[in-house]
Every structure is written in C-alpha cells, then in structure tokens.
N, C-alpha and C. Protein backbone atom coordinates (compact mmCIF):
# COMPACT_ATOMS: atom_id res chain seq x y z
N UNK A 1 -40.84 -5.81 32.25
CA UNK A 1 -39.87 -6.69 32.86
C UNK A 1 -39.38 -7.72 31.84
N UNK A 2 -40.31 -8.19 31.02
CA UNK A 2 -39.95 -9.20 30.02
C UNK A 2 -38.99 -8.61 29.00
N UNK A 3 -39.21 -7.34 28.61
CA UNK A 3 -38.32 -6.69 27.66
C UNK A 3 -36.92 -6.52 28.23
N UNK A 4 -36.84 -6.19 29.50
CA UNK A 4 -35.55 -6.01 30.16
C UNK A 4 -34.79 -7.33 30.21
N UNK A 5 -35.48 -8.41 30.51
CA UNK A 5 -34.85 -9.73 30.55
C UNK A 5 -34.36 -10.13 29.16
N UNK A 6 -35.17 -9.89 28.15
CA UNK A 6 -34.80 -10.23 26.78
C UNK A 6 -33.61 -9.39 26.33
N UNK A 7 -33.61 -8.11 26.63
CA UNK A 7 -32.51 -7.24 26.26
C UNK A 7 -31.22 -7.64 26.97
N UNK A 8 -31.33 -7.99 28.23
CA UNK A 8 -30.15 -8.43 28.99
C UNK A 8 -29.58 -9.71 28.40
N UNK A 9 -30.43 -10.65 28.07
CA UNK A 9 -29.97 -11.91 27.47
C UNK A 9 -29.31 -11.66 26.12
N UNK A 10 -29.85 -10.75 25.35
CA UNK A 10 -29.28 -10.42 24.05
C UNK A 10 -27.90 -9.79 24.20
N UNK A 11 -27.77 -8.85 25.12
CA UNK A 11 -26.49 -8.18 25.32
C UNK A 11 -25.43 -9.13 25.86
N UNK A 12 -25.80 -10.01 26.75
CA UNK A 12 -24.84 -10.98 27.28
C UNK A 12 -24.40 -11.94 26.19
N UNK A 13 -25.32 -12.41 25.37
CA UNK A 13 -24.95 -13.34 24.30
C UNK A 13 -24.07 -12.66 23.26
N UNK A 14 -24.33 -11.40 22.95
CA UNK A 14 -23.47 -10.68 22.02
C UNK A 14 -22.08 -10.47 22.59
N UNK A 15 -21.98 -10.18 23.87
CA UNK A 15 -20.68 -10.00 24.49
C UNK A 15 -19.88 -11.29 24.49
N UNK A 16 -20.54 -12.40 24.72
CA UNK A 16 -19.84 -13.69 24.71
C UNK A 16 -19.49 -14.12 23.29
N UNK A 17 -20.33 -13.80 22.32
CA UNK A 17 -20.06 -14.19 20.93
C UNK A 17 -18.90 -13.40 20.35
N UNK A 18 -18.71 -12.17 20.80
CA UNK A 18 -17.64 -11.37 20.24
C UNK A 18 -16.27 -11.87 20.67
N UNK A 19 -16.23 -12.72 21.67
CA UNK A 19 -14.96 -13.26 22.14
C UNK A 19 -14.34 -14.21 21.12
N UNK A 20 -15.14 -14.83 20.26
CA UNK A 20 -14.63 -15.80 19.29
C UNK A 20 -14.30 -15.16 17.95
N UNK A 21 -14.35 -13.86 17.85
CA UNK A 21 -14.15 -13.18 16.58
C UNK A 21 -12.70 -12.71 16.38
N UNK A 22 -11.86 -12.88 17.37
CA UNK A 22 -10.49 -12.42 17.28
C UNK A 22 -9.74 -13.14 16.17
N UNK A 23 -8.81 -12.43 15.54
CA UNK A 23 -8.03 -12.99 14.44
C UNK A 23 -7.00 -13.99 14.97
N UNK A 24 -6.61 -14.92 14.11
CA UNK A 24 -5.57 -15.87 14.46
C UNK A 24 -4.21 -15.17 14.45
N UNK A 25 -3.27 -15.65 15.26
CA UNK A 25 -1.94 -15.05 15.22
C UNK A 25 -1.27 -15.37 13.88
N UNK A 26 -0.36 -14.52 13.43
CA UNK A 26 0.29 -14.79 12.14
C UNK A 26 1.13 -16.06 12.20
N UNK A 27 1.10 -16.79 11.13
CA UNK A 27 1.87 -18.03 11.04
C UNK A 27 3.27 -17.78 10.51
N UNK A 28 4.02 -18.85 10.27
CA UNK A 28 5.36 -18.68 9.73
C UNK A 28 5.30 -18.17 8.29
N UNK A 29 6.35 -17.51 7.84
CA UNK A 29 6.34 -17.02 6.46
C UNK A 29 6.26 -18.17 5.47
N UNK A 30 5.63 -17.90 4.35
CA UNK A 30 5.48 -18.92 3.31
C UNK A 30 6.77 -19.15 2.55
N UNK A 31 6.70 -20.02 1.55
CA UNK A 31 7.92 -20.36 0.80
C UNK A 31 8.45 -19.22 -0.06
N UNK A 32 7.70 -18.14 -0.21
CA UNK A 32 8.14 -17.06 -1.09
C UNK A 32 9.00 -16.01 -0.41
N UNK A 33 9.33 -16.19 0.85
CA UNK A 33 10.17 -15.20 1.53
C UNK A 33 9.40 -14.55 2.66
N UNK A 34 9.93 -13.44 3.16
CA UNK A 34 9.28 -12.78 4.30
C UNK A 34 7.96 -12.14 3.87
N UNK A 35 7.03 -11.98 4.84
CA UNK A 35 5.75 -11.36 4.51
C UNK A 35 5.94 -9.94 3.97
N UNK A 36 5.14 -9.58 3.01
CA UNK A 36 5.27 -8.26 2.40
C UNK A 36 6.24 -8.25 1.24
N UNK A 37 6.91 -9.37 1.03
CA UNK A 37 7.88 -9.46 -0.06
C UNK A 37 7.22 -9.79 -1.39
N UNK A 38 5.93 -10.06 -1.38
CA UNK A 38 5.22 -10.30 -2.63
C UNK A 38 5.08 -11.75 -3.02
N UNK A 39 5.65 -12.70 -2.27
CA UNK A 39 5.55 -14.08 -2.69
C UNK A 39 5.08 -15.03 -1.61
N UNK A 40 4.74 -14.54 -0.44
CA UNK A 40 4.36 -15.43 0.65
C UNK A 40 2.88 -15.76 0.65
N UNK A 41 2.53 -16.62 1.56
CA UNK A 41 1.13 -16.98 1.74
C UNK A 41 0.46 -15.87 2.55
N UNK A 42 -0.66 -15.32 2.09
CA UNK A 42 -1.29 -14.23 2.84
C UNK A 42 -1.80 -14.71 4.20
N UNK A 43 -1.58 -13.89 5.21
CA UNK A 43 -1.99 -14.22 6.56
C UNK A 43 -2.89 -13.09 7.05
N UNK A 44 -3.99 -13.42 7.67
CA UNK A 44 -4.88 -12.38 8.17
C UNK A 44 -6.11 -12.97 8.80
N UNK A 45 -7.01 -12.11 9.19
CA UNK A 45 -8.24 -12.58 9.83
C UNK A 45 -9.26 -12.96 8.75
N UNK A 46 -10.16 -13.87 9.07
CA UNK A 46 -11.19 -14.25 8.11
C UNK A 46 -12.18 -13.12 7.87
N UNK A 47 -12.70 -13.04 6.67
CA UNK A 47 -13.64 -11.99 6.32
C UNK A 47 -14.97 -12.19 7.04
N UNK A 48 -15.35 -13.42 7.26
CA UNK A 48 -16.65 -13.72 7.84
C UNK A 48 -16.65 -13.68 9.36
N UNK A 49 -15.74 -12.96 9.97
CA UNK A 49 -15.65 -12.92 11.43
C UNK A 49 -16.96 -12.52 12.09
N UNK A 50 -17.53 -11.38 11.76
CA UNK A 50 -18.76 -10.94 12.39
C UNK A 50 -19.84 -10.61 11.37
N UNK A 51 -19.57 -10.92 10.11
CA UNK A 51 -20.50 -10.58 9.06
C UNK A 51 -21.83 -11.31 9.22
N UNK A 52 -21.78 -12.57 9.58
CA UNK A 52 -23.01 -13.34 9.76
C UNK A 52 -23.85 -12.76 10.90
N UNK A 53 -23.19 -12.38 11.97
CA UNK A 53 -23.89 -11.78 13.09
C UNK A 53 -24.54 -10.46 12.70
N UNK A 54 -23.82 -9.63 11.96
CA UNK A 54 -24.38 -8.35 11.52
C UNK A 54 -25.57 -8.55 10.59
N UNK A 55 -25.47 -9.52 9.69
CA UNK A 55 -26.59 -9.80 8.79
C UNK A 55 -27.82 -10.29 9.56
N UNK A 56 -27.61 -11.16 10.54
CA UNK A 56 -28.73 -11.67 11.33
C UNK A 56 -29.39 -10.54 12.13
N UNK A 57 -28.57 -9.67 12.72
CA UNK A 57 -29.14 -8.56 13.47
C UNK A 57 -29.89 -7.60 12.55
N UNK A 58 -29.36 -7.36 11.37
CA UNK A 58 -30.04 -6.49 10.41
C UNK A 58 -31.38 -7.06 9.96
N UNK A 59 -31.41 -8.36 9.73
CA UNK A 59 -32.67 -9.00 9.33
C UNK A 59 -33.68 -8.96 10.47
N UNK A 60 -33.21 -9.18 11.69
CA UNK A 60 -34.11 -9.11 12.84
C UNK A 60 -34.67 -7.71 13.03
N UNK A 61 -33.83 -6.70 12.87
CA UNK A 61 -34.28 -5.32 13.02
C UNK A 61 -35.27 -4.96 11.91
N UNK A 62 -35.00 -5.41 10.68
CA UNK A 62 -35.93 -5.15 9.58
C UNK A 62 -37.28 -5.81 9.81
N UNK A 63 -37.27 -7.03 10.34
CA UNK A 63 -38.52 -7.72 10.66
C UNK A 63 -39.28 -7.01 11.76
N UNK A 64 -38.56 -6.52 12.75
CA UNK A 64 -39.17 -5.77 13.84
C UNK A 64 -39.84 -4.51 13.32
N UNK A 65 -39.15 -3.76 12.45
CA UNK A 65 -39.72 -2.54 11.90
C UNK A 65 -40.93 -2.85 11.02
N UNK A 66 -40.89 -3.95 10.29
CA UNK A 66 -42.01 -4.34 9.45
C UNK A 66 -43.24 -4.67 10.29
N UNK A 67 -43.05 -5.40 11.37
CA UNK A 67 -44.16 -5.74 12.26
C UNK A 67 -44.74 -4.48 12.88
N UNK A 68 -43.88 -3.57 13.32
CA UNK A 68 -44.36 -2.31 13.92
C UNK A 68 -45.15 -1.48 12.90
N UNK A 69 -44.71 -1.50 11.65
CA UNK A 69 -45.41 -0.75 10.60
C UNK A 69 -46.79 -1.35 10.35
N UNK A 70 -46.88 -2.68 10.35
CA UNK A 70 -48.15 -3.35 10.12
C UNK A 70 -49.11 -3.12 11.29
N UNK A 71 -48.58 -3.02 12.51
CA UNK A 71 -49.44 -2.79 13.67
C UNK A 71 -50.07 -1.41 13.65
N UNK A 72 -49.40 -0.43 13.07
CA UNK A 72 -49.92 0.94 13.03
C UNK A 72 -51.08 1.08 12.07
N UNK A 73 -51.18 0.19 11.09
CA UNK A 73 -52.24 0.29 10.09
C UNK A 73 -53.59 -0.05 10.64
C-alpha cells in the first residue's frame, strides 16, 4: 500500500511539473529583419526545460539499483 501511495504521488507530481515546461511564444522579430533571415534574435524554448528533471530521475534510479545490488550480497 505504501508503494502504491508513493508511486501515485510521484506520477501526480510529474504530471503537474510537466505543465511548466512549455516553450514561450515567439516574440517580435529582432532588428536584423524577419526570423530565418540570418540576422534576427534567436527565439525558441530553453534547453533546460526538462533536463534537470531527467537528471534527477536518472540519479534516483541509479541509487535505487545500487541499493538493490547491495541488498542481494
């Protein structure tokens, strides 16, 4: 029962956290002309949108596997 509660809390928090990862809408063109013309300010989503979350989940999973490996010994 405790595992089910923990898993449910994890899934709900991940679903709510993914809501803040959406990219910003494109802004006005920069002083260099229209976008794609080679002289404007680049517009796009941030690189770190979900990277931190993926790294944290990977570290948690690695720690879990390490603990399980140590328990088998």
